[in-house]
PDB file of all heavy atoms in Angstrom:
ATOM      1  N   ASN A   1     142.970 -38.024  -0.476  1.00  0.00           N
ATOM      2  CA  ASN A   1     143.124 -36.635   0.028  1.00  0.00           C
ATOM      3  C   ASN A   1     143.875 -35.781  -1.057  1.00  0.00           C
ATOM      4  O   ASN A   1     143.547 -34.701  -1.300  1.00  0.00           O
ATOM      5  CB  ASN A   1     143.949 -36.689   1.168  1.00  0.00           C
ATOM      6  CG  ASN A   1     143.125 -36.541   2.492  1.00  0.00           C
ATOM      7  OD1 ASN A   1     141.982 -35.967   2.466  1.00  0.00           O
ATOM      8  ND2 ASN A   1     143.512 -37.150   3.582  1.00  0.00           N
ATOM      9  N   VAL A   2     144.929 -36.461  -1.699  1.00  0.00           N
ATOM     10  CA  VAL A   2     145.671 -35.621  -2.653  1.00  0.00           C
ATOM     11  C   VAL A   2     144.763 -35.367  -3.931  1.00  0.00           C
ATOM     12  O   VAL A   2     144.791 -34.308  -4.479  1.00  0.00           O
ATOM     13  CB  VAL A   2     146.893 -36.521  -3.179  1.00  0.00           C
ATOM     14  CG1 VAL A   2     147.577 -35.827  -4.243  1.00  0.00           C
ATOM     15  CG2 VAL A   2     147.789 -36.708  -1.943  1.00  0.00           C
ATOM     16  N   MET A   3     144.071 -36.375  -4.386  1.00  0.00           N
ATOM     17  CA  MET A   3     143.140 -36.197  -5.514  1.00  0.00           C
ATOM     18  C   MET A   3     141.998 -35.129  -5.251  1.00  0.00           C
ATOM     19  O   MET A   3     141.700 -34.303  -6.078  1.00  0.00           O
ATOM     20  CB  MET A   3     142.558 -37.526  -5.972  1.00  0.00           C
ATOM     21  CG  MET A   3     143.494 -38.524  -6.477  1.00  0.00           C
ATOM     22  SD  MET A   3     142.882 -40.081  -6.776  1.00  0.00           S
ATOM     23  CE  MET A   3     144.349 -41.031  -7.248  1.00  0.00           C
ATOM     24  N   VAL A   4     141.432 -35.212  -4.045  1.00  0.00           N
ATOM     25  CA  VAL A   4     140.386 -34.258  -3.680  1.00  0.00           C
ATOM     26  C   VAL A   4     141.023 -32.782  -3.565  1.00  0.00           C
ATOM     27  O   VAL A   4     140.379 -31.812  -4.132  1.00  0.00           O
ATOM     28  CB  VAL A   4     139.783 -34.462  -2.364  1.00  0.00           C
ATOM     29  CG1 VAL A   4     138.921 -33.415  -1.819  1.00  0.00           C
ATOM     30  CG2 VAL A   4     138.960 -35.765  -2.469  1.00  0.00           C
ATOM     31  N   GLY A   5     142.244 -32.714  -3.096  1.00  0.00           N
ATOM     32  CA  GLY A   5     142.850 -31.473  -2.952  1.00  0.00           C
ATOM     33  C   GLY A   5     143.089 -30.764  -4.395  1.00  0.00           C
ATOM     34  O   GLY A   5     143.010 -29.601  -4.639  1.00  0.00           O
ATOM     35  N   MET A   6     143.592 -31.709  -5.351  1.00  0.00           N
ATOM     36  CA  MET A   6     143.685 -31.202  -6.792  1.00  0.00           C
ATOM     37  C   MET A   6     142.414 -30.762  -7.385  1.00  0.00           C
ATOM     38  O   MET A   6     142.477 -29.685  -8.038  1.00  0.00           O
ATOM     39  CB  MET A   6     144.324 -32.375  -7.577  1.00  0.00           C
ATOM     40  CG  MET A   6     145.698 -32.782  -7.317  1.00  0.00           C
ATOM     41  SD  MET A   6     146.940 -31.452  -7.502  1.00  0.00           S
ATOM     42  CE  MET A   6     147.166 -30.875  -5.799  1.00  0.00           C
ATOM     43  N   VAL A   7     141.327 -31.418  -7.233  1.00  0.00           N
ATOM     44  CA  VAL A   7     140.133 -31.006  -7.623  1.00  0.00           C
ATOM     45  C   VAL A   7     139.572 -29.673  -7.068  1.00  0.00           C
ATOM     46  O   VAL A   7     139.176 -28.756  -7.805  1.00  0.00           O
ATOM     47  CB  VAL A   7     138.931 -31.992  -7.434  1.00  0.00           C
ATOM     48  CG1 VAL A   7     137.588 -31.499  -7.853  1.00  0.00           C
ATOM     49  CG2 VAL A   7     139.303 -33.366  -8.193  1.00  0.00           C
ATOM     50  N   VAL A   8     139.802 -29.473  -5.757  1.00  0.00           N
ATOM     51  CA  VAL A   8     139.370 -28.260  -5.011  1.00  0.00           C
ATOM     52  C   VAL A   8     140.294 -27.112  -5.493  1.00  0.00           C
ATOM     53  O   VAL A   8     139.833 -25.918  -5.833  1.00  0.00           O
ATOM     54  CB  VAL A   8     139.500 -28.465  -3.588  1.00  0.00           C
ATOM     55  CG1 VAL A   8     139.311 -27.106  -2.826  1.00  0.00           C
ATOM     56  CG2 VAL A   8     138.484 -29.460  -3.160  1.00  0.00           C
ATOM     57  N   THR A   9     141.554 -27.383  -5.616  1.00  0.00           N
ATOM     58  CA  THR A   9     142.505 -26.337  -6.136  1.00  0.00           C
ATOM     59  C   THR A   9     142.234 -25.833  -7.641  1.00  0.00           C
ATOM     60  O   THR A   9     142.072 -24.631  -7.764  1.00  0.00           O
ATOM     61  CB  THR A   9     143.907 -26.937  -6.182  1.00  0.00           C
ATOM     62  OG1 THR A   9     144.325 -27.260  -4.893  1.00  0.00           O
ATOM     63  CG2 THR A   9     144.938 -25.842  -6.712  1.00  0.00           C
ATOM     64  N   CYS A  10     141.853 -26.718  -8.437  1.00  0.00           N
ATOM     65  CA  CYS A  10     141.529 -26.293  -9.802  1.00  0.00           C
ATOM     66  C   CYS A  10     140.181 -25.565  -9.833  1.00  0.00           C
ATOM     67  O   CYS A  10     140.026 -24.590 -10.566  1.00  0.00           O
ATOM     68  CB  CYS A  10     141.329 -27.606 -10.717  1.00  0.00           C
ATOM     69  SG  CYS A  10     142.959 -28.407 -10.963  1.00  0.00           S
ATOM     70  N   THR A  11     139.170 -26.113  -8.924  1.00  0.00           N
ATOM     71  CA  THR A  11     137.957 -25.344  -8.871  1.00  0.00           C
ATOM     72  C   THR A  11     138.069 -23.934  -8.421  1.00  0.00           C
ATOM     73  O   THR A  11     137.463 -22.934  -9.078  1.00  0.00           O
ATOM     74  CB  THR A  11     136.894 -26.124  -8.167  1.00  0.00           C
ATOM     75  OG1 THR A  11     136.906 -27.432  -8.598  1.00  0.00           O
ATOM     76  CG2 THR A  11     135.557 -25.473  -8.059  1.00  0.00           C
ATOM     77  N   ILE A  12     138.776 -23.717  -7.340  1.00  0.00           N
ATOM     78  CA  ILE A  12     138.872 -22.341  -6.801  1.00  0.00           C
ATOM     79  C   ILE A  12     139.579 -21.427  -7.723  1.00  0.00           C
ATOM     80  O   ILE A  12     139.138 -20.314  -7.961  1.00  0.00           O
ATOM     81  CB  ILE A  12     139.613 -22.440  -5.494  1.00  0.00           C
ATOM     82  CG1 ILE A  12     138.710 -23.225  -4.384  1.00  0.00           C
ATOM     83  CG2 ILE A  12     139.994 -21.066  -4.997  1.00  0.00           C
ATOM     84  CD1 ILE A  12     139.413 -23.250  -3.015  1.00  0.00           C
ATOM     85  N   TYR A  13     140.754 -21.847  -8.350  1.00  0.00           N
ATOM     86  CA  TYR A  13     141.492 -20.973  -9.246  1.00  0.00           C
ATOM     87  C   TYR A  13     140.667 -20.818 -10.623  1.00  0.00           C
ATOM     88  O   TYR A  13     140.757 -19.659 -11.087  1.00  0.00           O
ATOM     89  CB  TYR A  13     142.869 -21.507  -9.574  1.00  0.00           C
ATOM     90  CG  TYR A  13     143.585 -20.559 -10.506  1.00  0.00           C
ATOM     91  CD1 TYR A  13     144.054 -19.346  -9.934  1.00  0.00           C
ATOM     92  CD2 TYR A  13     143.719 -20.834 -11.835  1.00  0.00           C
ATOM     93  CE1 TYR A  13     144.826 -18.416 -10.784  1.00  0.00           C
ATOM     94  CE2 TYR A  13     144.409 -19.908 -12.568  1.00  0.00           C
ATOM     95  CZ  TYR A  13     144.890 -18.774 -12.112  1.00  0.00           C
ATOM     96  OH  TYR A  13     145.568 -17.857 -12.998  1.00  0.00           O
ATOM     97  N   ALA A  14     139.927 -21.732 -10.967  1.00  0.00           N
ATOM     98  CA  ALA A  14     139.048 -21.553 -12.163  1.00  0.00           C
ATOM     99  C   ALA A  14     137.978 -20.495 -12.033  1.00  0.00           C
ATOM    100  O   ALA A  14     137.756 -19.740 -12.902  1.00  0.00           O
ATOM    101  CB  ALA A  14     138.521 -22.937 -12.481  1.00  0.00           C
ATOM    102  N   PHE A  15     137.404 -20.515 -10.883  1.00  0.00           N
ATOM    103  CA  PHE A  15     136.466 -19.465 -10.624  1.00  0.00           C
ATOM    104  C   PHE A  15     137.053 -18.107 -10.656  1.00  0.00           C
ATOM    105  O   PHE A  15     136.374 -17.193 -11.158  1.00  0.00           O
ATOM    106  CB  PHE A  15     135.770 -19.685  -9.144  1.00  0.00           C
ATOM    107  CG  PHE A  15     134.783 -20.799  -9.098  1.00  0.00           C
ATOM    108  CD1 PHE A  15     134.329 -21.342  -7.855  1.00  0.00           C
ATOM    109  CD2 PHE A  15     134.338 -21.354 -10.318  1.00  0.00           C
ATOM    110  CE1 PHE A  15     133.528 -22.476  -7.889  1.00  0.00           C
ATOM    111  CE2 PHE A  15     133.478 -22.517 -10.267  1.00  0.00           C
ATOM    112  CZ  PHE A  15     133.012 -22.948  -8.997  1.00  0.00           C
ATOM    113  N   TYR A  16     138.165 -17.964  -9.970  1.00  0.00           N
ATOM    114  CA  TYR A  16     138.890 -16.615 -10.080  1.00  0.00           C
ATOM    115  C   TYR A  16     139.225 -16.203 -11.428  1.00  0.00           C
ATOM    116  O   TYR A  16     138.905 -15.120 -11.926  1.00  0.00           O
ATOM    117  CB  TYR A  16     140.162 -16.691  -9.083  1.00  0.00           C
ATOM    118  CG  TYR A  16     141.044 -15.486  -9.462  1.00  0.00           C
ATOM    119  CD1 TYR A  16     140.776 -14.261  -8.789  1.00  0.00           C
ATOM    120  CD2 TYR A  16     142.181 -15.575 -10.199  1.00  0.00           C
ATOM    121  CE1 TYR A  16     141.711 -13.283  -9.108  1.00  0.00           C
ATOM    122  CE2 TYR A  16     143.057 -14.602 -10.443  1.00  0.00           C
ATOM    123  CZ  TYR A  16     142.773 -13.443  -9.882  1.00  0.00           C
ATOM    124  OH  TYR A  16     143.565 -12.347 -10.131  1.00  0.00           O
ATOM    125  N   GLY A  17     139.868 -17.198 -12.141  1.00  0.00           N
ATOM    126  CA  GLY A  17     140.336 -16.780 -13.501  1.00  0.00           C
ATOM    127  C   GLY A  17     139.105 -16.507 -14.456  1.00  0.00           C
ATOM    128  O   GLY A  17     139.191 -15.586 -15.239  1.00  0.00           O
ATOM    129  N   LEU A  18     138.002 -17.276 -14.447  1.00  0.00           N
ATOM    130  CA  LEU A  18     137.015 -17.114 -15.292  1.00  0.00           C
ATOM    131  C   LEU A  18     136.201 -15.887 -15.041  1.00  0.00           C
ATOM    132  O   LEU A  18     135.723 -15.201 -16.059  1.00  0.00           O
ATOM    133  CB  LEU A  18     136.092 -18.403 -15.353  1.00  0.00           C
ATOM    134  CG  LEU A  18     136.786 -19.612 -15.956  1.00  0.00           C
ATOM    135  CD1 LEU A  18     135.982 -20.905 -15.622  1.00  0.00           C
ATOM    136  CD2 LEU A  18     136.909 -19.471 -17.426  1.00  0.00           C
ATOM    137  N   PHE A  19     135.961 -15.640 -13.768  1.00  0.00           N
ATOM    138  CA  PHE A  19     135.241 -14.430 -13.417  1.00  0.00           C
ATOM    139  C   PHE A  19     135.941 -13.003 -13.673  1.00  0.00           C
ATOM    140  O   PHE A  19     135.407 -12.159 -13.924  1.00  0.00           O
ATOM    141  CB  PHE A  19     134.598 -14.533 -12.024  1.00  0.00           C
ATOM    142  CG  PHE A  19     133.425 -15.352 -11.855  1.00  0.00           C
ATOM    143  CD1 PHE A  19     133.447 -16.592 -11.467  1.00  0.00           C
ATOM    144  CD2 PHE A  19     132.193 -14.777 -12.144  1.00  0.00           C
ATOM    145  CE1 PHE A  19     132.348 -17.327 -11.216  1.00  0.00           C
ATOM    146  CE2 PHE A  19     131.016 -15.524 -11.955  1.00  0.00           C
ATOM    147  CZ  PHE A  19     131.146 -16.842 -11.542  1.00  0.00           C
ATOM    148  N   HIS A  20     137.374 -13.174 -13.442  1.00  0.00           N
ATOM    149  CA  HIS A  20     138.137 -12.035 -13.529  1.00  0.00           C
ATOM    150  C   HIS A  20     138.592 -11.785 -15.099  1.00  0.00           C
ATOM    151  O   HIS A  20     138.551 -10.634 -15.449  1.00  0.00           O
ATOM    152  CB  HIS A  20     139.456 -12.356 -12.711  1.00  0.00           C
ATOM    153  CG  HIS A  20     140.377 -11.184 -12.774  1.00  0.00           C
ATOM    154  ND1 HIS A  20     140.037  -9.831 -12.454  1.00  0.00           N
ATOM    155  CD2 HIS A  20     141.758 -11.128 -13.153  1.00  0.00           C
ATOM    156  CE1 HIS A  20     141.139  -9.057 -12.535  1.00  0.00           C
ATOM    157  NE2 HIS A  20     142.084  -9.800 -12.973  1.00  0.00           N
ATOM    158  N   LYS A  21     138.977 -12.837 -15.750  1.00  0.00           N
ATOM    159  CA  LYS A  21     139.516 -12.674 -17.144  1.00  0.00           C
ATOM    160  C   LYS A  21     138.769 -13.453 -18.146  1.00  0.00           C
ATOM    161  O   LYS A  21     138.903 -13.182 -19.330  1.00  0.00           O
ATOM    162  CB  LYS A  21     140.948 -13.082 -17.096  1.00  0.00           C
ATOM    163  CG  LYS A  21     141.881 -12.290 -16.414  1.00  0.00           C
ATOM    164  CD  LYS A  21     142.216 -10.995 -17.143  1.00  0.00           C
ATOM    165  CE  LYS A  21     143.348 -10.254 -16.513  1.00  0.00           C
ATOM    166  NZ  LYS A  21     143.708  -9.044 -17.266  1.00  0.00           N
ATOM    167  N   GLY A  22     137.920 -14.325 -17.788  1.00  0.00           N
ATOM    168  CA  GLY A  22     137.284 -15.130 -18.791  1.00  0.00           C
ATOM    169  C   GLY A  22     138.036 -16.294 -19.345  1.00  0.00           C
ATOM    170  O   GLY A  22     137.811 -16.839 -20.392  1.00  0.00           O
ATOM    171  N   GLU A  23     139.245 -16.488 -18.655  1.00  0.00           N
ATOM    172  CA  GLU A  23     140.180 -17.546 -19.123  1.00  0.00           C
ATOM    173  C   GLU A  23     140.843 -18.144 -17.978  1.00  0.00           C
ATOM    174  O   GLU A  23     140.869 -17.539 -16.789  1.00  0.00           O
ATOM    175  CB  GLU A  23     141.151 -17.135 -20.237  1.00  0.00           C
ATOM    176  CG  GLU A  23     141.931 -15.921 -19.657  1.00  0.00           C
ATOM    177  CD  GLU A  23     142.852 -15.400 -20.722  1.00  0.00           C
ATOM    178  OE1 GLU A  23     142.758 -15.831 -21.949  1.00  0.00           O
ATOM    179  OE2 GLU A  23     143.678 -14.525 -20.471  1.00  0.00           O
ATOM    180  N   ILE A  24     141.486 -19.310 -18.091  1.00  0.00           N
ATOM    181  CA  ILE A  24     142.276 -19.843 -17.002  1.00  0.00           C
ATOM    182  C   ILE A  24     143.823 -19.745 -17.366  1.00  0.00           C
ATOM    183  O   ILE A  24     144.196 -20.142 -18.426  1.00  0.00           O
ATOM    184  CB  ILE A  24     141.830 -21.381 -16.836  1.00  0.00           C
ATOM    185  CG1 ILE A  24     140.278 -21.469 -16.451  1.00  0.00           C
ATOM    186  CG2 ILE A  24     142.718 -22.080 -15.723  1.00  0.00           C
ATOM    187  CD1 ILE A  24     139.767 -22.865 -16.510  1.00  0.00           C
TER     188      ILE A  24
END
């Protein structure tokens, strides 16, 4: 559960950062 949560967290924030700024 902890590992899945880390993957989901990184994915969601990566989408925001990359689409908004082009960087993480």
